[in-house]
Amino acid sequence: QVQLVESGGGLVQPGGSLRLSCASSVFILDYYHIGWFRQAPGKEREGISCIGSVGSNTIYYADSVKGRFTISRDSANGTVYLQMNSLKPGDTGVYYCAADTPCSYYTDSNVAHYNEYWGQGTQVSVSS
């Protein structure tokens, strides 16, 4: 059974930073494609970043987060991180990690429907 557990959300002022974590077994996080999604109130779940399985050297960022967010994998600790800098009020939402859709699918607006496994989500609120 694939279990993904997010953590690291919270309330931050505009311009601030947060680091989200997605924890699972090392096998899952190394051999599955792992994506980050966010869902703002009243909006569809949006795929914002993806890291391919180990060896694929594939990373994706949505235009809305490119240059501000960084996805990375710590295989030793079984965790995928999303470092979020220069946060804006528009980044507010529930953030989910998911597996196992290849990063090439993340340009598809329906990518949320392709992922089989999801975490429970963590709330990020950006407000002064």
N, C-alpha and C. Protein backbone atom coordinates (compact mmCIF):
# COMPACT_ATOMS: atom_id res chain seq x y z
N GLN A 1 0.85 -1.19 0.00
CA GLN A 1 0.00 0.00 0.00
C GLN A 1 0.88 1.24 0.00
N VAL A 2 0.55 2.19 -0.87
CA VAL A 2 1.33 3.42 -0.98
C VAL A 2 0.75 4.45 -0.03
N GLN A 3 1.59 4.94 0.88
CA GLN A 3 1.16 5.99 1.80
C GLN A 3 2.05 7.20 1.62
N LEU A 4 1.44 8.35 1.45
CA LEU A 4 2.15 9.62 1.33
C LEU A 4 1.67 10.54 2.45
N VAL A 5 2.59 11.18 3.14
CA VAL A 5 2.22 12.03 4.27
C VAL A 5 2.89 13.39 4.10
N GLU A 6 2.07 14.44 3.93
CA GLU A 6 2.59 15.79 3.79
C GLU A 6 2.70 16.47 5.16
N SER A 7 3.62 17.40 5.25
CA SER A 7 3.75 18.24 6.44
C SER A 7 4.46 19.53 6.05
N GLY A 8 4.42 20.51 6.94
CA GLY A 8 5.18 21.74 6.72
C GLY A 8 4.36 22.95 6.37
N GLY A 9 3.05 22.79 6.22
CA GLY A 9 2.22 23.94 5.90
C GLY A 9 2.09 24.88 7.08
N GLY A 10 1.48 26.03 6.83
CA GLY A 10 1.28 27.00 7.90
C GLY A 10 0.88 28.34 7.35
N LEU A 11 0.90 29.33 8.23
CA LEU A 11 0.57 30.71 7.87
C LEU A 11 1.88 31.49 7.73
N VAL A 12 2.02 32.19 6.63
CA VAL A 12 3.25 32.96 6.38
C VAL A 12 2.87 34.28 5.73
N GLN A 13 3.67 35.29 5.97
CA GLN A 13 3.44 36.59 5.35
C GLN A 13 3.92 36.59 3.90
N PRO A 14 3.35 37.45 3.07
CA PRO A 14 3.84 37.57 1.69
C PRO A 14 5.35 37.83 1.67
N GLY A 15 6.03 37.15 0.76
CA GLY A 15 7.48 37.24 0.67
C GLY A 15 8.21 36.21 1.51
N GLY A 16 7.48 35.51 2.35
CA GLY A 16 8.08 34.53 3.22
C GLY A 16 8.31 33.19 2.53
N SER A 17 8.79 32.23 3.31
CA SER A 17 9.14 30.91 2.78
C SER A 17 8.55 29.80 3.65
N LEU A 18 8.31 28.68 3.04
CA LEU A 18 7.93 27.46 3.72
C LEU A 18 8.57 26.29 2.99
N ARG A 19 8.81 25.21 3.72
CA ARG A 19 9.27 23.98 3.08
C ARG A 19 8.28 22.87 3.40
N LEU A 20 7.67 22.33 2.37
CA LEU A 20 6.75 21.22 2.53
C LEU A 20 7.50 19.90 2.37
N SER A 21 7.05 18.90 3.10
CA SER A 21 7.65 17.57 3.03
C SER A 21 6.59 16.55 2.63
N CYS A 22 7.00 15.59 1.84
CA CYS A 22 6.15 14.46 1.47
C CYS A 22 6.94 13.21 1.82
N ALA A 23 6.47 12.49 2.83
CA ALA A 23 7.20 11.33 3.32
C ALA A 23 6.52 10.04 2.91
N SER A 24 7.34 9.07 2.59
CA SER A 24 6.85 7.73 2.29
C SER A 24 8.02 6.78 2.44
N SER A 25 7.85 5.57 1.98
CA SER A 25 8.98 4.65 2.00
C SER A 25 10.01 5.07 0.95
N VAL A 26 11.25 4.71 1.19
CA VAL A 26 12.30 5.07 0.24
C VAL A 26 12.00 4.47 -1.12
N PHE A 27 11.47 3.26 -1.15
CA PHE A 27 11.16 2.62 -2.43
C PHE A 27 10.18 3.45 -3.23
N ILE A 28 9.12 3.92 -2.57
CA ILE A 28 8.10 4.69 -3.26
C ILE A 28 8.69 5.98 -3.80
N LEU A 29 9.42 6.70 -2.97
CA LEU A 29 9.87 8.02 -3.38
C LEU A 29 11.02 7.98 -4.36
N ASP A 30 11.72 6.86 -4.44
CA ASP A 30 12.79 6.74 -5.42
C ASP A 30 12.28 6.21 -6.76
N TYR A 31 11.33 5.32 -6.75
CA TYR A 31 10.93 4.63 -7.98
C TYR A 31 9.61 5.11 -8.57
N TYR A 32 8.95 6.03 -7.85
CA TYR A 32 7.73 6.61 -8.37
C TYR A 32 7.97 8.07 -8.76
N HIS A 33 7.19 8.56 -9.71
CA HIS A 33 7.18 9.98 -10.02
C HIS A 33 6.33 10.67 -8.95
N ILE A 34 6.85 11.72 -8.35
CA ILE A 34 6.16 12.40 -7.25
C ILE A 34 5.82 13.83 -7.66
N GLY A 35 4.57 14.19 -7.50
CA GLY A 35 4.14 15.53 -7.86
C GLY A 35 3.56 16.28 -6.67
N TRP A 36 3.59 17.60 -6.78
CA TRP A 36 2.93 18.48 -5.81
C TRP A 36 1.79 19.20 -6.51
N PHE A 37 0.66 19.22 -5.83
CA PHE A 37 -0.54 19.89 -6.31
C PHE A 37 -0.97 20.90 -5.26
N ARG A 38 -1.71 21.90 -5.71
CA ARG A 38 -2.37 22.77 -4.75
C ARG A 38 -3.81 23.01 -5.22
N GLN A 39 -4.65 23.22 -4.23
CA GLN A 39 -6.05 23.49 -4.50
C GLN A 39 -6.47 24.71 -3.70
N ALA A 40 -6.73 25.79 -4.42
CA ALA A 40 -7.22 27.01 -3.79
C ALA A 40 -8.73 26.89 -3.60
N PRO A 41 -9.28 27.63 -2.65
CA PRO A 41 -10.73 27.57 -2.42
C PRO A 41 -11.51 27.83 -3.70
N GLY A 42 -12.41 26.93 -4.03
CA GLY A 42 -13.26 27.10 -5.19
C GLY A 42 -12.62 26.84 -6.52
N LYS A 43 -11.38 26.32 -6.50
CA LYS A 43 -10.67 26.08 -7.76
C LYS A 43 -10.31 24.61 -7.91
N GLU A 44 -9.95 24.24 -9.15
CA GLU A 44 -9.51 22.89 -9.43
C GLU A 44 -8.13 22.65 -8.84
N ARG A 45 -7.84 21.37 -8.57
CA ARG A 45 -6.51 20.99 -8.10
C ARG A 45 -5.51 21.15 -9.25
N GLU A 46 -4.44 21.89 -8.97
CA GLU A 46 -3.46 22.27 -10.00
C GLU A 46 -2.12 21.58 -9.73
N GLY A 47 -1.56 20.96 -10.76
CA GLY A 47 -0.23 20.37 -10.64
C GLY A 47 0.83 21.44 -10.77
N ILE A 48 1.64 21.67 -9.73
CA ILE A 48 2.59 22.76 -9.76
C ILE A 48 4.04 22.30 -9.88
N SER A 49 4.34 21.08 -9.51
CA SER A 49 5.71 20.61 -9.62
C SER A 49 5.74 19.09 -9.62
N CYS A 50 6.80 18.56 -10.21
CA CYS A 50 6.94 17.10 -10.30
C CYS A 50 8.42 16.75 -10.35
N ILE A 51 8.78 15.65 -9.70
CA ILE A 51 10.13 15.11 -9.82
C ILE A 51 10.02 13.67 -10.28
N GLY A 52 10.74 13.33 -11.32
CA GLY A 52 10.67 11.99 -11.86
C GLY A 52 11.35 10.97 -10.98
N SER A 53 11.15 9.72 -11.26
CA SER A 53 11.79 8.66 -10.51
C SER A 53 13.30 8.77 -10.64
N VAL A 54 14.01 8.20 -9.68
CA VAL A 54 15.48 8.28 -9.67
C VAL A 54 16.02 7.78 -11.01
N GLY A 55 16.90 8.56 -11.59
CA GLY A 55 17.49 8.21 -12.87
C GLY A 55 16.82 8.86 -14.06
N SER A 56 15.62 9.41 -13.86
CA SER A 56 14.91 10.03 -14.99
C SER A 56 15.37 11.47 -15.21
N ASN A 57 15.94 12.09 -14.17
CA ASN A 57 16.41 13.48 -14.29
C ASN A 57 15.34 14.41 -14.83
N THR A 58 14.12 14.22 -14.38
CA THR A 58 13.01 15.02 -14.88
C THR A 58 12.43 15.84 -13.75
N ILE A 59 12.29 17.12 -14.00
CA ILE A 59 11.65 18.03 -13.04
C ILE A 59 10.74 18.96 -13.82
N TYR A 60 9.58 19.24 -13.24
CA TYR A 60 8.62 20.14 -13.87
C TYR A 60 8.17 21.19 -12.86
N TYR A 61 7.99 22.42 -13.34
CA TYR A 61 7.38 23.49 -12.56
C TYR A 61 6.34 24.18 -13.41
N ALA A 62 5.20 24.46 -12.83
CA ALA A 62 4.21 25.30 -13.49
C ALA A 62 4.76 26.73 -13.58
N ASP A 63 4.32 27.45 -14.58
CA ASP A 63 4.79 28.83 -14.76
C ASP A 63 4.53 29.68 -13.52
N SER A 64 3.44 29.38 -12.83
CA SER A 64 3.04 30.18 -11.67
C SER A 64 4.03 30.08 -10.51
N VAL A 65 4.87 29.05 -10.49
CA VAL A 65 5.80 28.86 -9.37
C VAL A 65 7.26 28.81 -9.81
N LYS A 66 7.49 28.82 -11.11
CA LYS A 66 8.85 28.70 -11.64
C LYS A 66 9.71 29.85 -11.13
N GLY A 67 10.90 29.51 -10.66
CA GLY A 67 11.81 30.52 -10.12
C GLY A 67 11.61 30.81 -8.65
N ARG A 68 10.52 30.34 -8.07
CA ARG A 68 10.24 30.57 -6.64
C ARG A 68 10.22 29.27 -5.84
N PHE A 69 9.79 28.18 -6.46
CA PHE A 69 9.66 26.89 -5.78
C PHE A 69 10.74 25.95 -6.29
N THR A 70 11.21 25.07 -5.41
CA THR A 70 12.20 24.07 -5.78
C THR A 70 11.79 22.72 -5.22
N ILE A 71 11.73 21.71 -6.08
CA ILE A 71 11.41 20.35 -5.64
C ILE A 71 12.70 19.56 -5.53
N SER A 72 12.79 18.70 -4.53
CA SER A 72 14.00 17.90 -4.36
C SER A 72 13.64 16.60 -3.66
N ARG A 73 14.55 15.65 -3.74
CA ARG A 73 14.36 14.33 -3.14
C ARG A 73 15.51 14.03 -2.19
N ASP A 74 15.18 13.58 -1.00
CA ASP A 74 16.18 13.11 -0.03
C ASP A 74 15.93 11.62 0.14
N SER A 75 16.63 10.83 -0.64
CA SER A 75 16.39 9.38 -0.62
C SER A 75 16.72 8.76 0.73
N ALA A 76 17.74 9.27 1.39
CA ALA A 76 18.15 8.68 2.67
C ALA A 76 17.04 8.79 3.70
N ASN A 77 16.25 9.85 3.62
CA ASN A 77 15.18 10.07 4.59
C ASN A 77 13.80 9.76 4.04
N GLY A 78 13.71 9.28 2.81
CA GLY A 78 12.40 8.92 2.25
C GLY A 78 11.47 10.11 2.16
N THR A 79 11.99 11.25 1.69
CA THR A 79 11.19 12.49 1.68
C THR A 79 11.42 13.25 0.37
N VAL A 80 10.34 13.79 -0.17
CA VAL A 80 10.42 14.76 -1.27
C VAL A 80 9.99 16.10 -0.70
N TYR A 81 10.78 17.12 -0.98
CA TYR A 81 10.54 18.45 -0.45
C TYR A 81 10.04 19.40 -1.54
N LEU A 82 9.28 20.40 -1.12
CA LEU A 82 8.94 21.53 -1.97
C LEU A 82 9.32 22.78 -1.19
N GLN A 83 10.43 23.39 -1.58
CA GLN A 83 10.86 24.65 -0.97
C GLN A 83 10.14 25.78 -1.68
N MET A 84 9.42 26.58 -0.92
CA MET A 84 8.60 27.65 -1.48
C MET A 84 9.12 28.98 -0.96
N ASN A 85 9.62 29.80 -1.85
CA ASN A 85 10.14 31.12 -1.50
C ASN A 85 9.30 32.21 -2.16
N SER A 86 9.46 33.44 -1.67
CA SER A 86 8.75 34.59 -2.24
C SER A 86 7.26 34.30 -2.37
N LEU A 87 6.68 33.80 -1.31
CA LEU A 87 5.28 33.40 -1.35
C LEU A 87 4.36 34.59 -1.53
N LYS A 88 3.28 34.35 -2.25
CA LYS A 88 2.28 35.36 -2.56
C LYS A 88 0.93 34.92 -2.03
N PRO A 89 0.01 35.86 -1.82
CA PRO A 89 -1.35 35.45 -1.39
C PRO A 89 -1.98 34.44 -2.35
N GLY A 90 -1.67 34.51 -3.62
CA GLY A 90 -2.21 33.57 -4.60
C GLY A 90 -1.70 32.16 -4.45
N ASP A 91 -0.68 31.95 -3.61
CA ASP A 91 -0.18 30.60 -3.34
C ASP A 91 -0.99 29.89 -2.25
N THR A 92 -1.93 30.59 -1.67
CA THR A 92 -2.75 30.01 -0.61
C THR A 92 -3.56 28.83 -1.13
N GLY A 93 -3.60 27.76 -0.35
CA GLY A 93 -4.38 26.59 -0.71
C GLY A 93 -3.95 25.38 0.07
N VAL A 94 -4.60 24.27 -0.23
CA VAL A 94 -4.19 22.99 0.35
C VAL A 94 -3.21 22.33 -0.64
N TYR A 95 -2.07 21.93 -0.12
CA TYR A 95 -1.03 21.33 -0.94
C TYR A 95 -1.00 19.83 -0.71
N TYR A 96 -0.97 19.09 -1.82
CA TYR A 96 -0.97 17.63 -1.77
C TYR A 96 0.25 17.10 -2.53
N CYS A 97 0.81 16.00 -2.05
CA CYS A 97 1.74 15.26 -2.90
C CYS A 97 1.02 14.04 -3.44
N ALA A 98 1.49 13.57 -4.60
CA ALA A 98 0.81 12.49 -5.30
C ALA A 98 1.81 11.68 -6.10
N ALA A 99 1.43 10.44 -6.40
CA ALA A 99 2.23 9.53 -7.23
C ALA A 99 1.26 8.74 -8.11
N ASP A 100 1.48 8.34 -9.23
CA ASP A 100 2.75 8.06 -9.88
C ASP A 100 2.62 8.41 -11.35
N THR A 101 2.36 9.69 -11.65
CA THR A 101 2.19 10.12 -13.04
C THR A 101 3.49 10.74 -13.54
N PRO A 102 3.98 10.35 -14.71
CA PRO A 102 5.21 10.95 -15.24
C PRO A 102 5.09 12.46 -15.36
N CYS A 103 6.20 13.14 -15.14
CA CYS A 103 6.21 14.60 -15.14
C CYS A 103 5.78 15.19 -16.48
N SER A 104 5.94 14.45 -17.57
CA SER A 104 5.54 14.97 -18.88
C SER A 104 4.04 15.21 -18.98
N TYR A 105 3.26 14.60 -18.09
CA TYR A 105 1.82 14.78 -18.10
C TYR A 105 1.38 16.07 -17.39
N TYR A 106 2.30 16.73 -16.69
CA TYR A 106 1.90 17.85 -15.85
C TYR A 106 1.53 19.10 -16.63
N THR A 107 1.78 19.14 -17.92
CA THR A 107 1.29 20.25 -18.73
C THR A 107 -0.19 20.07 -19.08
N ASP A 108 -0.73 18.91 -18.78
CA ASP A 108 -2.14 18.61 -19.02
C ASP A 108 -2.95 19.12 -17.83
N SER A 109 -3.97 19.92 -18.09
CA SER A 109 -4.77 20.49 -17.00
C SER A 109 -5.53 19.41 -16.23
N ASN A 110 -5.65 18.22 -16.79
CA ASN A 110 -6.36 17.12 -16.12
C ASN A 110 -5.42 16.19 -15.35
N VAL A 111 -4.16 16.59 -15.15
CA VAL A 111 -3.17 15.69 -14.57
C VAL A 111 -3.59 15.17 -13.20
N ALA A 112 -4.37 15.94 -12.45
CA ALA A 112 -4.79 15.49 -11.12
C ALA A 112 -5.55 14.16 -11.21
N HIS A 113 -6.25 13.94 -12.32
CA HIS A 113 -7.05 12.73 -12.46
C HIS A 113 -6.21 11.50 -12.75
N TYR A 114 -4.94 11.69 -13.13
CA TYR A 114 -4.11 10.56 -13.52
C TYR A 114 -3.36 9.94 -12.34
N ASN A 115 -3.25 10.67 -11.24
CA ASN A 115 -2.47 10.17 -10.11
C ASN A 115 -3.29 9.20 -9.27
N GLU A 116 -2.66 8.09 -8.94
CA GLU A 116 -3.38 7.04 -8.23
C GLU A 116 -3.30 7.20 -6.71
N TYR A 117 -2.21 7.79 -6.24
CA TYR A 117 -1.97 7.85 -4.80
C TYR A 117 -1.85 9.30 -4.35
N TRP A 118 -2.45 9.62 -3.21
CA TRP A 118 -2.48 10.97 -2.69
C TRP A 118 -2.21 10.99 -1.19
N GLY A 119 -1.59 12.08 -0.74
CA GLY A 119 -1.51 12.34 0.69
C GLY A 119 -2.77 13.05 1.15
N GLN A 120 -2.80 13.40 2.43
CA GLN A 120 -3.99 13.98 3.02
C GLN A 120 -4.04 15.50 2.83
N GLY A 121 -2.92 16.11 2.45
CA GLY A 121 -2.87 17.55 2.23
C GLY A 121 -2.39 18.32 3.44
N THR A 122 -1.80 19.49 3.16
CA THR A 122 -1.36 20.40 4.21
C THR A 122 -1.72 21.82 3.78
N GLN A 123 -2.26 22.60 4.71
CA GLN A 123 -2.75 23.94 4.39
C GLN A 123 -1.61 24.95 4.39
N VAL A 124 -1.57 25.75 3.33
CA VAL A 124 -0.64 26.88 3.24
C VAL A 124 -1.47 28.15 3.10
N SER A 125 -1.23 29.10 3.99
CA SER A 125 -1.94 30.37 3.94
C SER A 125 -0.92 31.50 3.90
N VAL A 126 -1.05 32.36 2.88
CA VAL A 126 -0.14 33.48 2.72
C VAL A 126 -0.95 34.76 2.89
N SER A 127 -0.69 35.44 3.98
CA SER A 127 -1.49 36.62 4.30
C SER A 127 -0.73 37.51 5.26
N SER A 128 -0.97 38.82 5.13
CA SER A 128 -0.37 39.76 6.07
C SER A 128 -1.33 40.03 7.23
